[in-house]
Amino acid sequence: MPSTVTRVLVLCSDGCEEIETVALVVVLRRAQLEVVLASPSGSSVTGSRGIVLQSERRFAELSARDFAALALPGGLKNARTLAVDPEAQRLIREARALDRIVAAICAAPLALKAADAICGARLTSHPSVRDEFADERYSDDRVVVDGRLLTSRGPGTAIEFALALVVELCGPERAAAVGAALVLPATA
């Protein structure tokens, strides 16, 4: 019998923001989602604060078709790498073309812009790259959900962002259960 587990692909490279990367992986796995952490080489990446993270797959061997969502942690170096890496750009474009959920936090919306994947949706980003989105429908909200596009501000919003992705993939009840297990305040 085929697996019915929802799969999420997280793209990272050297310079990724560790809090955002780990928060995504941990919150999504707590929600019983299968998470694949991928990098350009499929080996370890060194985050923006020097923490080494082990990726599981290479961008080139993956297809967005096999995932319900694509998530991009920030970190300016990571965002700029994802904006120019041809395989990351292919995955972002493919995910949007397949109407998959695409989520980006911090500076990572820069990679969405490079892939022409914003498509007029409202978005947010880390304040340091806000000027890069002067022609977009920008919001200062902590997390912005506009159709199948989710964006968020930065490390301080990482758990909210991950839980918003859980809401989109699994519903508010599962997100509330994960939030409660993390000892977060209940939301009305």
C-alpha atoms as a PDB file:
ATOM      1  CA  MET A   1       0.000   0.000   0.000  1.00  0.00           C
ATOM      2  CA  PRO A   2       1.511   3.387  -0.972  1.00  0.00           C
ATOM      3  CA  SER A   3       2.421   5.854   1.755  1.00  0.00           C
ATOM      4  CA  THR A   4      -0.025   8.672   2.430  1.00  0.00           C
ATOM      5  CA  VAL A   5       2.505  10.755   4.339  1.00  0.00           C
ATOM      6  CA  THR A   6       2.697  14.323   3.074  1.00  0.00           C
ATOM      7  CA  ARG A   7       6.209  15.251   1.945  1.00  0.00           C
ATOM      8  CA  VAL A   8       7.918  18.652   2.201  1.00  0.00           C
ATOM      9  CA  LEU A   9      11.171  19.574   0.481  1.00  0.00           C
ATOM     10  CA  VAL A  10      13.419  22.072   2.300  1.00  0.00           C
ATOM     11  CA  LEU A  11      16.165  23.669   0.182  1.00  0.00           C
ATOM     12  CA  CYS A  12      19.318  24.887   1.924  1.00  0.00           C
ATOM     13  CA  SER A  13      22.902  25.737   1.116  1.00  0.00           C
ATOM     14  CA  ASP A  14      25.868  27.263   2.899  1.00  0.00           C
ATOM     15  CA  GLY A  15      24.803  30.364   4.774  1.00  0.00           C
ATOM     16  CA  CYS A  16      21.296  29.185   5.584  1.00  0.00           C
ATOM     17  CA  GLU A  17      19.819  30.588   8.780  1.00  0.00           C
ATOM     18  CA  GLU A  18      20.025  27.671  11.216  1.00  0.00           C
ATOM     19  CA  ILE A  19      17.062  28.696  13.393  1.00  0.00           C
ATOM     20  CA  GLU A  20      14.767  28.850  10.364  1.00  0.00           C
ATOM     21  CA  THR A  21      16.070  25.612   8.843  1.00  0.00           C
ATOM     22  CA  VAL A  22      15.851  23.583  12.032  1.00  0.00           C
ATOM     23  CA  ALA A  23      12.513  25.098  13.090  1.00  0.00           C
ATOM     24  CA  LEU A  24      11.007  24.112   9.732  1.00  0.00           C
ATOM     25  CA  VAL A  25      12.309  20.552   9.896  1.00  0.00           C
ATOM     26  CA  VAL A  26      11.403  19.991  13.559  1.00  0.00           C
ATOM     27  CA  VAL A  27       7.909  21.543  13.462  1.00  0.00           C
ATOM     28  CA  LEU A  28       7.001  19.754  10.224  1.00  0.00           C
ATOM     29  CA  ARG A  29       8.246  16.398  11.532  1.00  0.00           C
ATOM     30  CA  ARG A  30       6.332  16.934  14.793  1.00  0.00           C
ATOM     31  CA  ALA A  31       3.262  17.360  12.572  1.00  0.00           C
ATOM     32  CA  GLN A  32       4.022  13.895  11.147  1.00  0.00           C
ATOM     33  CA  LEU A  33       5.118  15.210   7.773  1.00  0.00           C
ATOM     34  CA  GLU A  34       8.020  13.684   5.900  1.00  0.00           C
ATOM     35  CA  VAL A  35      10.719  16.314   5.420  1.00  0.00           C
ATOM     36  CA  VAL A  36      13.600  16.027   2.982  1.00  0.00           C
ATOM     37  CA  LEU A  37      16.469  18.457   3.549  1.00  0.00           C
ATOM     38  CA  ALA A  38      18.276  19.032   0.269  1.00  0.00           C
ATOM     39  CA  SER A  39      21.364  20.982  -0.784  1.00  0.00           C
ATOM     40  CA  PRO A  40      23.216  21.566  -4.040  1.00  0.00           C
ATOM     41  CA  SER A  41      25.747  18.804  -3.246  1.00  0.00           C
ATOM     42  CA  GLY A  42      23.591  16.541  -1.071  1.00  0.00           C
ATOM     43  CA  SER A  43      26.180  16.749   1.693  1.00  0.00           C
ATOM     44  CA  SER A  44      26.574  18.955   4.721  1.00  0.00           C
ATOM     45  CA  VAL A  45      26.055  22.717   4.654  1.00  0.00           C
ATOM     46  CA  THR A  46      27.445  25.274   7.050  1.00  0.00           C
ATOM     47  CA  GLY A  47      24.837  27.691   8.330  1.00  0.00           C
ATOM     48  CA  SER A  48      25.203  31.431   8.793  1.00  0.00           C
ATOM     49  CA  ARG A  49      26.390  30.968  12.386  1.00  0.00           C
ATOM     50  CA  GLY A  50      28.801  28.113  11.662  1.00  0.00           C
ATOM     51  CA  ILE A  51      26.519  25.217  12.598  1.00  0.00           C
ATOM     52  CA  VAL A  52      26.899  22.246  10.237  1.00  0.00           C
ATOM     53  CA  LEU A  53      23.669  20.659   9.002  1.00  0.00           C
ATOM     54  CA  GLN A  54      23.522  17.372   7.099  1.00  0.00           C
ATOM     55  CA  SER A  55      21.373  17.406   3.998  1.00  0.00           C
ATOM     56  CA  GLU A  56      19.820  14.213   2.709  1.00  0.00           C
ATOM     57  CA  ARG A  57      19.550  14.730  -1.050  1.00  0.00           C
ATOM     58  CA  ARG A  58      20.886  16.814  -3.942  1.00  0.00           C
ATOM     59  CA  PHE A  59      18.671  19.374  -5.684  1.00  0.00           C
ATOM     60  CA  ALA A  60      19.414  17.796  -9.077  1.00  0.00           C
ATOM     61  CA  GLU A  61      17.949  14.401  -8.146  1.00  0.00           C
ATOM     62  CA  LEU A  62      14.606  15.772  -6.966  1.00  0.00           C
ATOM     63  CA  SER A  63      11.320  16.804  -8.544  1.00  0.00           C
ATOM     64  CA  ALA A  64       8.737  19.120  -6.997  1.00  0.00           C
ATOM     65  CA  ARG A  65       6.157  16.650  -8.303  1.00  0.00           C
ATOM     66  CA  ASP A  66       7.070  14.350  -5.400  1.00  0.00           C
ATOM     67  CA  PHE A  67       6.317  16.921  -2.693  1.00  0.00           C
ATOM     68  CA  ALA A  68       3.242  18.753  -1.419  1.00  0.00           C
ATOM     69  CA  ALA A  69       5.316  21.791  -0.504  1.00  0.00           C
ATOM     70  CA  LEU A  70       8.674  23.434  -1.042  1.00  0.00           C
ATOM     71  CA  ALA A  71      10.186  25.470   1.814  1.00  0.00           C
ATOM     72  CA  LEU A  72      13.144  27.840   1.703  1.00  0.00           C
ATOM     73  CA  PRO A  73      14.870  28.985   4.895  1.00  0.00           C
ATOM     74  CA  GLY A  74      16.633  32.314   4.780  1.00  0.00           C
ATOM     75  CA  GLY A  75      20.053  33.578   5.497  1.00  0.00           C
ATOM     76  CA  LEU A  76      21.214  36.100   2.907  1.00  0.00           C
ATOM     77  CA  LYS A  77      23.970  33.879   1.495  1.00  0.00           C
ATOM     78  CA  ASN A  78      21.553  30.945   1.193  1.00  0.00           C
ATOM     79  CA  ALA A  79      18.909  33.142  -0.444  1.00  0.00           C
ATOM     80  CA  ARG A  80      21.388  34.474  -2.984  1.00  0.00           C
ATOM     81  CA  THR A  81      22.602  30.927  -3.731  1.00  0.00           C
ATOM     82  CA  LEU A  82      19.039  29.669  -4.235  1.00  0.00           C
ATOM     83  CA  ALA A  83      18.400  32.666  -6.512  1.00  0.00           C
ATOM     84  CA  VAL A  84      21.181  31.644  -8.902  1.00  0.00           C
ATOM     85  CA  ASP A  85      21.419  27.864  -8.513  1.00  0.00           C
ATOM     86  CA  PRO A  86      19.797  26.435 -11.671  1.00  0.00           C
ATOM     87  CA  GLU A  87      18.459  23.343  -9.888  1.00  0.00           C
ATOM     88  CA  ALA A  88      16.946  25.362  -7.025  1.00  0.00           C
ATOM     89  CA  GLN A  89      15.351  27.689  -9.566  1.00  0.00           C
ATOM     90  CA  ARG A  90      14.008  24.691 -11.495  1.00  0.00           C
ATOM     91  CA  LEU A  91      12.445  23.251  -8.321  1.00  0.00           C
ATOM     92  CA  ILE A  92      10.833  26.583  -7.395  1.00  0.00           C
ATOM     93  CA  ARG A  93       9.387  27.077 -10.899  1.00  0.00           C
ATOM     94  CA  GLU A  94       8.230  23.471 -11.035  1.00  0.00           C
ATOM     95  CA  ALA A  95       6.519  23.727  -7.638  1.00  0.00           C
ATOM     96  CA  ARG A  96       4.657  26.887  -8.693  1.00  0.00           C
ATOM     97  CA  ALA A  97       3.673  25.372 -12.062  1.00  0.00           C
ATOM     98  CA  LEU A  98       2.307  22.305 -10.242  1.00  0.00           C
ATOM     99  CA  ASP A  99       0.403  24.553  -7.779  1.00  0.00           C
ATOM    100  CA  ARG A 100       2.354  23.199  -4.830  1.00  0.00           C
ATOM    101  CA  ILE A 101       2.680  25.264  -1.676  1.00  0.00           C
ATOM    102  CA  VAL A 102       5.852  27.351  -1.783  1.00  0.00           C
ATOM    103  CA  ALA A 103       7.105  28.861   1.465  1.00  0.00           C
ATOM    104  CA  ALA A 104      10.052  31.225   1.992  1.00  0.00           C
ATOM    105  CA  ILE A 105      11.279  33.031   5.088  1.00  0.00           C
ATOM    106  CA  CYS A 106      13.709  35.882   5.796  1.00  0.00           C
ATOM    107  CA  ALA A 107      15.755  36.703   2.667  1.00  0.00           C
ATOM    108  CA  ALA A 108      14.610  33.564   0.802  1.00  0.00           C
ATOM    109  CA  PRO A 109      11.810  35.395  -1.071  1.00  0.00           C
ATOM    110  CA  LEU A 110      14.718  36.728  -3.177  1.00  0.00           C
ATOM    111  CA  ALA A 111      14.955  33.230  -4.684  1.00  0.00           C
ATOM    112  CA  LEU A 112      11.222  33.336  -5.448  1.00  0.00           C
ATOM    113  CA  LYS A 113      11.645  36.673  -7.177  1.00  0.00           C
ATOM    114  CA  ALA A 114      14.539  35.312  -9.264  1.00  0.00           C
ATOM    115  CA  ALA A 115      12.301  32.414 -10.351  1.00  0.00           C
ATOM    116  CA  ASP A 116       9.401  34.756 -11.231  1.00  0.00           C
ATOM    117  CA  ALA A 117       7.408  32.771  -8.676  1.00  0.00           C
ATOM    118  CA  ILE A 118       5.727  35.588  -6.735  1.00  0.00           C
ATOM    119  CA  CYS A 119       3.071  36.036  -9.425  1.00  0.00           C
ATOM    120  CA  GLY A 120       1.455  39.109  -7.839  1.00  0.00           C
ATOM    121  CA  ALA A 121       0.950  37.489  -4.430  1.00  0.00           C
ATOM    122  CA  ARG A 122       1.331  39.477  -1.215  1.00  0.00           C
ATOM    123  CA  LEU A 123       4.571  38.687   0.577  1.00  0.00           C
ATOM    124  CA  THR A 124       6.926  39.684   3.338  1.00  0.00           C
ATOM    125  CA  SER A 125      10.627  39.224   4.000  1.00  0.00           C
ATOM    126  CA  HIS A 126      13.395  40.164   6.371  1.00  0.00           C
ATOM    127  CA  PRO A 127      13.445  43.983   6.659  1.00  0.00           C
ATOM    128  CA  SER A 128      17.031  44.079   5.337  1.00  0.00           C
ATOM    129  CA  VAL A 129      15.883  42.970   1.851  1.00  0.00           C
ATOM    130  CA  ARG A 130      12.552  44.791   1.761  1.00  0.00           C
ATOM    131  CA  ASP A 131      13.761  47.259  -0.889  1.00  0.00           C
ATOM    132  CA  GLU A 132      14.264  44.318  -3.275  1.00  0.00           C
ATOM    133  CA  PHE A 133      10.454  43.972  -3.374  1.00  0.00           C
ATOM    134  CA  ALA A 134       9.524  47.574  -4.208  1.00  0.00           C
ATOM    135  CA  ASP A 135       7.421  46.389  -7.168  1.00  0.00           C
ATOM    136  CA  GLU A 136       5.624  43.673  -5.184  1.00  0.00           C
ATOM    137  CA  ARG A 137       2.590  43.672  -2.862  1.00  0.00           C
ATOM    138  CA  TYR A 138       4.646  43.875   0.316  1.00  0.00           C
ATOM    139  CA  SER A 139       3.363  43.424   3.869  1.00  0.00           C
ATOM    140  CA  ASP A 140       4.983  43.937   7.261  1.00  0.00           C
ATOM    141  CA  ASP A 141       2.950  41.066   8.753  1.00  0.00           C
ATOM    142  CA  ARG A 142       4.985  38.392  10.541  1.00  0.00           C
ATOM    143  CA  VAL A 143       3.629  35.617   8.309  1.00  0.00           C
ATOM    144  CA  VAL A 144       1.810  36.182   5.018  1.00  0.00           C
ATOM    145  CA  VAL A 145      -0.283  33.498   3.347  1.00  0.00           C
ATOM    146  CA  ASP A 146      -1.548  34.398  -0.120  1.00  0.00           C
ATOM    147  CA  GLY A 147      -2.952  31.428  -1.945  1.00  0.00           C
ATOM    148  CA  ARG A 148      -0.240  28.803  -2.266  1.00  0.00           C
ATOM    149  CA  LEU A 149       2.569  31.218  -1.313  1.00  0.00           C
ATOM    150  CA  LEU A 150       3.708  31.611   2.320  1.00  0.00           C
ATOM    151  CA  THR A 151       6.361  34.086   3.430  1.00  0.00           C
ATOM    152  CA  SER A 152       7.682  35.261   6.768  1.00  0.00           C
ATOM    153  CA  ARG A 153      10.084  37.816   8.286  1.00  0.00           C
ATOM    154  CA  GLY A 154      12.995  36.009   9.950  1.00  0.00           C
ATOM    155  CA  PRO A 155      14.360  33.866  12.784  1.00  0.00           C
ATOM    156  CA  GLY A 156      11.921  35.309  15.335  1.00  0.00           C
ATOM    157  CA  THR A 157       8.963  34.208  13.218  1.00  0.00           C
ATOM    158  CA  ALA A 158      10.319  30.771  12.252  1.00  0.00           C
ATOM    159  CA  ILE A 159       7.988  28.674  14.422  1.00  0.00           C
ATOM    160  CA  GLU A 160       4.919  30.728  13.421  1.00  0.00           C
ATOM    161  CA  PHE A 161       5.956  30.278   9.793  1.00  0.00           C
ATOM    162  CA  ALA A 162       6.404  26.521  10.161  1.00  0.00           C
ATOM    163  CA  LEU A 163       3.043  26.231  11.938  1.00  0.00           C
ATOM    164  CA  ALA A 164       1.368  28.226   9.138  1.00  0.00           C
ATOM    165  CA  LEU A 165       2.750  25.641   6.728  1.00  0.00           C
ATOM    166  CA  VAL A 166       1.325  22.876   8.946  1.00  0.00           C
ATOM    167  CA  VAL A 167      -2.086  24.613   8.813  1.00  0.00           C
ATOM    168  CA  GLU A 168      -1.941  24.640   5.011  1.00  0.00           C
ATOM    169  CA  LEU A 169      -0.868  21.004   4.761  1.00  0.00           C
ATOM    170  CA  CYS A 170      -2.688  19.363   7.688  1.00  0.00           C
ATOM    171  CA  GLY A 171      -5.255  21.792   9.039  1.00  0.00           C
ATOM    172  CA  PRO A 172      -5.491  24.035  12.092  1.00  0.00           C
ATOM    173  CA  GLU A 173      -6.145  21.202  14.555  1.00  0.00           C
ATOM    174  CA  ARG A 174      -2.820  19.524  13.892  1.00  0.00           C
ATOM    175  CA  ALA A 175      -1.020  22.884  13.969  1.00  0.00           C
ATOM    176  CA  ALA A 176      -2.666  23.650  17.333  1.00  0.00           C
ATOM    177  CA  ALA A 177      -1.601  20.254  18.699  1.00  0.00           C
ATOM    178  CA  VAL A 178       1.998  20.807  17.596  1.00  0.00           C
ATOM    179  CA  GLY A 179       1.957  24.329  19.057  1.00  0.00           C
ATOM    180  CA  ALA A 180       0.622  23.001  22.364  1.00  0.00           C
ATOM    181  CA  ALA A 181       3.358  20.343  22.484  1.00  0.00           C
ATOM    182  CA  LEU A 182       5.896  23.141  21.938  1.00  0.00           C
ATOM    183  CA  VAL A 183       4.316  25.035  24.862  1.00  0.00           C
ATOM    184  CA  LEU A 184       3.280  27.951  22.676  1.00  0.00           C
ATOM    185  CA  PRO A 185       0.403  30.168  23.740  1.00  0.00           C
ATOM    186  CA  ALA A 186      -2.945  29.107  22.292  1.00  0.00           C
ATOM    187  CA  THR A 187      -4.297  31.362  19.554  1.00  0.00           C
ATOM    188  CA  ALA A 188      -7.937  32.302  19.212  1.00  0.00           C
END
